[in-house]
Amino acid sequence: MFIHGSVLIYIACKCTLYLTNRKKTKAVIPILTLCSITIAYLYTLNIANYLRDFTSYLIMYSWLFIECIPVYYFIAAFIRSKLGRTVK
């Protein structure tokens, strides 16, 4: 689980740097790590909130949408190839 969390923080850092057009990661990684630790700590205070939030249909459909992102890319590449444009 530690590696999974580290990868997610790394990806969030890369996305944040890309969206803000910055190059340095010195301040971004600690801020994202602190945010994730804070959220995890707040959920440990009340496990019932955690179960309610993560077993809701909204969260289930959100994760389903997120997990299917590679399929969306494949469909977009397939449509682009059928229209005659090359995919780079």
N, C-alpha and C. Protein backbone atom coordinates (compact mmCIF):
# COMPACT_ATOMS: atom_id res chain seq x y z
N MET A 1 0.82 -1.18 0.00
CA MET A 1 0.00 0.00 0.00
C MET A 1 0.87 1.26 0.00
N PHE A 2 2.06 1.16 0.61
CA PHE A 2 2.97 2.30 0.64
C PHE A 2 3.41 2.69 -0.77
N ILE A 3 3.73 1.67 -1.59
CA ILE A 3 4.15 1.95 -2.97
C ILE A 3 3.01 2.56 -3.76
N HIS A 4 1.79 2.07 -3.55
CA HIS A 4 0.62 2.62 -4.23
C HIS A 4 0.43 4.09 -3.87
N GLY A 5 0.54 4.41 -2.60
CA GLY A 5 0.40 5.81 -2.17
C GLY A 5 1.50 6.68 -2.73
N SER A 6 2.72 6.15 -2.76
CA SER A 6 3.84 6.92 -3.30
C SER A 6 3.66 7.21 -4.78
N VAL A 7 3.19 6.22 -5.53
CA VAL A 7 2.96 6.42 -6.96
C VAL A 7 1.87 7.46 -7.18
N LEU A 8 0.81 7.41 -6.40
CA LEU A 8 -0.27 8.39 -6.55
C LEU A 8 0.21 9.80 -6.22
N ILE A 9 1.03 9.95 -5.20
CA ILE A 9 1.56 11.27 -4.87
C ILE A 9 2.49 11.75 -5.98
N TYR A 10 3.30 10.85 -6.54
CA TYR A 10 4.19 11.22 -7.64
C TYR A 10 3.39 11.68 -8.86
N ILE A 11 2.33 10.94 -9.19
CA ILE A 11 1.48 11.32 -10.33
C ILE A 11 0.79 12.65 -10.07
N ALA A 12 0.30 12.85 -8.86
CA ALA A 12 -0.33 14.13 -8.52
C ALA A 12 0.68 15.27 -8.61
N CYS A 13 1.92 15.00 -8.22
CA CYS A 13 2.96 16.02 -8.32
C CYS A 13 3.23 16.38 -9.77
N LYS A 14 3.37 15.38 -10.62
CA LYS A 14 3.63 15.63 -12.05
C LYS A 14 2.47 16.40 -12.68
N CYS A 15 1.24 16.02 -12.36
CA CYS A 15 0.08 16.73 -12.91
C CYS A 15 0.02 18.17 -12.42
N THR A 16 0.30 18.38 -11.14
CA THR A 16 0.29 19.73 -10.58
C THR A 16 1.36 20.59 -11.23
N LEU A 17 2.54 20.04 -11.40
CA LEU A 17 3.62 20.80 -12.04
C LEU A 17 3.28 21.11 -13.48
N TYR A 18 2.68 20.18 -14.18
CA TYR A 18 2.30 20.40 -15.57
C TYR A 18 1.24 21.49 -15.68
N LEU A 19 0.24 21.44 -14.79
CA LEU A 19 -0.85 22.40 -14.86
C LEU A 19 -0.43 23.81 -14.43
N THR A 20 0.58 23.89 -13.57
CA THR A 20 1.03 25.20 -13.12
C THR A 20 2.27 25.69 -13.85
N ASN A 21 2.77 24.91 -14.81
CA ASN A 21 3.96 25.26 -15.60
C ASN A 21 5.18 25.52 -14.73
N ARG A 22 5.39 24.69 -13.74
CA ARG A 22 6.56 24.83 -12.87
C ARG A 22 7.48 23.64 -13.08
N LYS A 23 8.71 23.78 -12.66
CA LYS A 23 9.71 22.73 -12.84
C LYS A 23 10.14 22.09 -11.52
N LYS A 24 10.12 22.83 -10.43
CA LYS A 24 10.66 22.34 -9.17
C LYS A 24 9.61 21.59 -8.37
N THR A 25 10.05 20.47 -7.77
CA THR A 25 9.14 19.64 -6.98
C THR A 25 9.36 19.79 -5.48
N LYS A 26 10.24 20.70 -5.08
CA LYS A 26 10.58 20.82 -3.66
C LYS A 26 9.37 21.08 -2.77
N ALA A 27 8.50 21.98 -3.16
CA ALA A 27 7.38 22.34 -2.30
C ALA A 27 6.13 21.51 -2.58
N VAL A 28 6.01 20.98 -3.77
CA VAL A 28 4.77 20.30 -4.16
C VAL A 28 4.62 18.95 -3.47
N ILE A 29 5.68 18.16 -3.44
CA ILE A 29 5.59 16.82 -2.86
C ILE A 29 5.24 16.86 -1.37
N PRO A 30 5.90 17.70 -0.55
CA PRO A 30 5.50 17.75 0.86
C PRO A 30 4.06 18.23 1.07
N ILE A 31 3.60 19.17 0.25
CA ILE A 31 2.22 19.66 0.39
C ILE A 31 1.23 18.55 0.06
N LEU A 32 1.47 17.82 -1.03
CA LEU A 32 0.57 16.72 -1.40
C LEU A 32 0.61 15.60 -0.37
N THR A 33 1.79 15.31 0.17
CA THR A 33 1.92 14.28 1.20
C THR A 33 1.18 14.69 2.46
N LEU A 34 1.32 15.94 2.84
CA LEU A 34 0.61 16.44 4.02
C LEU A 34 -0.90 16.38 3.83
N CYS A 35 -1.37 16.70 2.63
CA CYS A 35 -2.81 16.61 2.35
C CYS A 35 -3.30 15.17 2.46
N SER A 36 -2.55 14.23 1.91
CA SER A 36 -2.99 12.84 1.97
C SER A 36 -2.95 12.30 3.40
N ILE A 37 -1.95 12.68 4.16
CA ILE A 37 -1.87 12.26 5.56
C ILE A 37 -3.02 12.85 6.36
N THR A 38 -3.34 14.11 6.11
CA THR A 38 -4.44 14.77 6.82
C THR A 38 -5.77 14.09 6.52
N ILE A 39 -6.02 13.80 5.25
CA ILE A 39 -7.27 13.12 4.88
C ILE A 39 -7.34 11.74 5.53
N ALA A 40 -6.24 10.99 5.51
CA ALA A 40 -6.23 9.67 6.12
C ALA A 40 -6.47 9.77 7.63
N TYR A 41 -5.86 10.74 8.28
CA TYR A 41 -6.05 10.91 9.72
C TYR A 41 -7.50 11.28 10.05
N LEU A 42 -8.08 12.17 9.28
CA LEU A 42 -9.46 12.57 9.55
C LEU A 42 -10.43 11.40 9.38
N TYR A 43 -10.15 10.51 8.42
CA TYR A 43 -11.00 9.33 8.27
C TYR A 43 -10.82 8.35 9.41
N THR A 44 -9.65 8.30 10.04
CA THR A 44 -9.46 7.38 11.16
C THR A 44 -10.23 7.83 12.39
N LEU A 45 -10.61 9.09 12.44
CA LEU A 45 -11.37 9.56 13.59
C LEU A 45 -12.79 9.02 13.61
N ASN A 46 -13.33 8.72 12.43
CA ASN A 46 -14.69 8.18 12.37
C ASN A 46 -14.77 7.20 11.19
N ILE A 47 -14.65 5.93 11.50
CA ILE A 47 -14.65 4.89 10.47
C ILE A 47 -16.01 4.81 9.77
N ALA A 48 -17.08 5.16 10.45
CA ALA A 48 -18.41 5.12 9.84
C ALA A 48 -18.49 6.10 8.66
N ASN A 49 -17.88 7.27 8.79
CA ASN A 49 -17.85 8.22 7.68
C ASN A 49 -17.10 7.64 6.49
N TYR A 50 -15.99 6.97 6.77
CA TYR A 50 -15.21 6.35 5.70
C TYR A 50 -16.04 5.32 4.95
N LEU A 51 -16.71 4.44 5.68
CA LEU A 51 -17.53 3.42 5.04
C LEU A 51 -18.68 4.03 4.25
N ARG A 52 -19.31 5.05 4.81
CA ARG A 52 -20.42 5.70 4.11
C ARG A 52 -19.94 6.38 2.83
N ASP A 53 -18.81 7.07 2.91
CA ASP A 53 -18.31 7.79 1.75
C ASP A 53 -17.82 6.86 0.65
N PHE A 54 -17.16 5.79 1.00
CA PHE A 54 -16.54 4.95 -0.01
C PHE A 54 -17.41 3.77 -0.45
N THR A 55 -18.60 3.66 0.09
CA THR A 55 -19.53 2.66 -0.42
C THR A 55 -20.72 3.31 -1.10
N SER A 56 -20.65 4.60 -1.35
CA SER A 56 -21.75 5.28 -2.03
C SER A 56 -21.68 5.03 -3.52
N TYR A 57 -22.80 5.17 -4.18
CA TYR A 57 -22.85 4.95 -5.62
C TYR A 57 -22.06 6.01 -6.39
N LEU A 58 -22.03 7.22 -5.88
CA LEU A 58 -21.27 8.28 -6.55
C LEU A 58 -19.79 7.92 -6.64
N ILE A 59 -19.22 7.45 -5.54
CA ILE A 59 -17.82 7.06 -5.53
C ILE A 59 -17.60 5.84 -6.43
N MET A 60 -18.52 4.90 -6.39
CA MET A 60 -18.38 3.70 -7.21
C MET A 60 -18.36 4.06 -8.69
N TYR A 61 -19.28 4.91 -9.13
CA TYR A 61 -19.32 5.30 -10.53
C TYR A 61 -18.14 6.20 -10.91
N SER A 62 -17.67 7.02 -9.97
CA SER A 62 -16.50 7.85 -10.24
C SER A 62 -15.27 6.98 -10.49
N TRP A 63 -15.04 5.98 -9.64
CA TRP A 63 -13.90 5.08 -9.84
C TRP A 63 -14.05 4.26 -11.10
N LEU A 64 -15.26 3.86 -11.42
CA LEU A 64 -15.49 3.12 -12.65
C LEU A 64 -15.13 3.97 -13.86
N PHE A 65 -15.51 5.24 -13.83
CA PHE A 65 -15.17 6.17 -14.90
C PHE A 65 -13.65 6.34 -15.01
N ILE A 66 -13.00 6.50 -13.87
CA ILE A 66 -11.54 6.71 -13.85
C ILE A 66 -10.80 5.47 -14.34
N GLU A 67 -11.25 4.31 -13.94
CA GLU A 67 -10.58 3.07 -14.33
C GLU A 67 -10.73 2.78 -15.82
N CYS A 68 -11.73 3.37 -16.46
CA CYS A 68 -11.95 3.13 -17.89
C CYS A 68 -11.27 4.15 -18.78
N ILE A 69 -10.45 5.03 -18.24
CA ILE A 69 -9.77 6.04 -19.05
C ILE A 69 -8.94 5.42 -20.18
N PRO A 70 -8.20 4.33 -19.97
CA PRO A 70 -7.49 3.73 -21.11
C PRO A 70 -8.41 3.30 -22.25
N VAL A 71 -9.61 2.87 -21.90
CA VAL A 71 -10.58 2.49 -22.94
C VAL A 71 -11.00 3.71 -23.74
N TYR A 72 -11.16 4.85 -23.08
CA TYR A 72 -11.52 6.08 -23.79
C TYR A 72 -10.42 6.49 -24.75
N TYR A 73 -9.16 6.35 -24.31
CA TYR A 73 -8.04 6.65 -25.20
C TYR A 73 -8.03 5.72 -26.41
N PHE A 74 -8.29 4.45 -26.19
CA PHE A 74 -8.33 3.49 -27.28
C PHE A 74 -9.43 3.84 -28.28
N ILE A 75 -10.59 4.19 -27.78
CA ILE A 75 -11.71 4.56 -28.66
C ILE A 75 -11.36 5.82 -29.45
N ALA A 76 -10.75 6.81 -28.80
CA ALA A 76 -10.36 8.03 -29.50
C ALA A 76 -9.32 7.75 -30.58
N ALA A 77 -8.34 6.89 -30.27
CA ALA A 77 -7.33 6.54 -31.27
C ALA A 77 -7.95 5.77 -32.43
N PHE A 78 -8.89 4.90 -32.13
CA PHE A 78 -9.56 4.12 -33.18
C PHE A 78 -10.36 5.05 -34.10
N ILE A 79 -11.07 5.98 -33.52
CA ILE A 79 -11.86 6.92 -34.33
C ILE A 79 -10.95 7.81 -35.16
N ARG A 80 -9.85 8.27 -34.57
CA ARG A 80 -8.90 9.11 -35.33
C ARG A 80 -8.29 8.32 -36.48
N SER A 81 -8.01 7.04 -36.27
CA SER A 81 -7.41 6.25 -37.35
C SER A 81 -8.42 6.00 -38.46
N LYS A 82 -9.68 5.88 -38.13
CA LYS A 82 -10.71 5.68 -39.15
C LYS A 82 -10.99 6.95 -39.93
N LEU A 83 -10.74 8.11 -39.32
CA LEU A 83 -10.95 9.37 -40.00
C LEU A 83 -9.78 9.75 -40.90
N GLY A 84 -8.69 8.98 -40.84
CA GLY A 84 -7.55 9.22 -41.71
C GLY A 84 -6.41 9.98 -41.10
N ARG A 85 -6.54 10.41 -39.87
CA ARG A 85 -5.44 11.10 -39.20
C ARG A 85 -4.57 10.07 -38.49
N THR A 86 -3.29 10.31 -38.47
CA THR A 86 -2.39 9.40 -37.78
C THR A 86 -2.31 9.78 -36.32
N VAL A 87 -2.18 8.78 -35.49
CA VAL A 87 -2.04 9.00 -34.06
C VAL A 87 -0.56 9.06 -33.74
N LYS A 88 -0.14 10.12 -33.08
CA LYS A 88 1.29 10.27 -32.74
C LYS A 88 1.59 9.62 -31.43
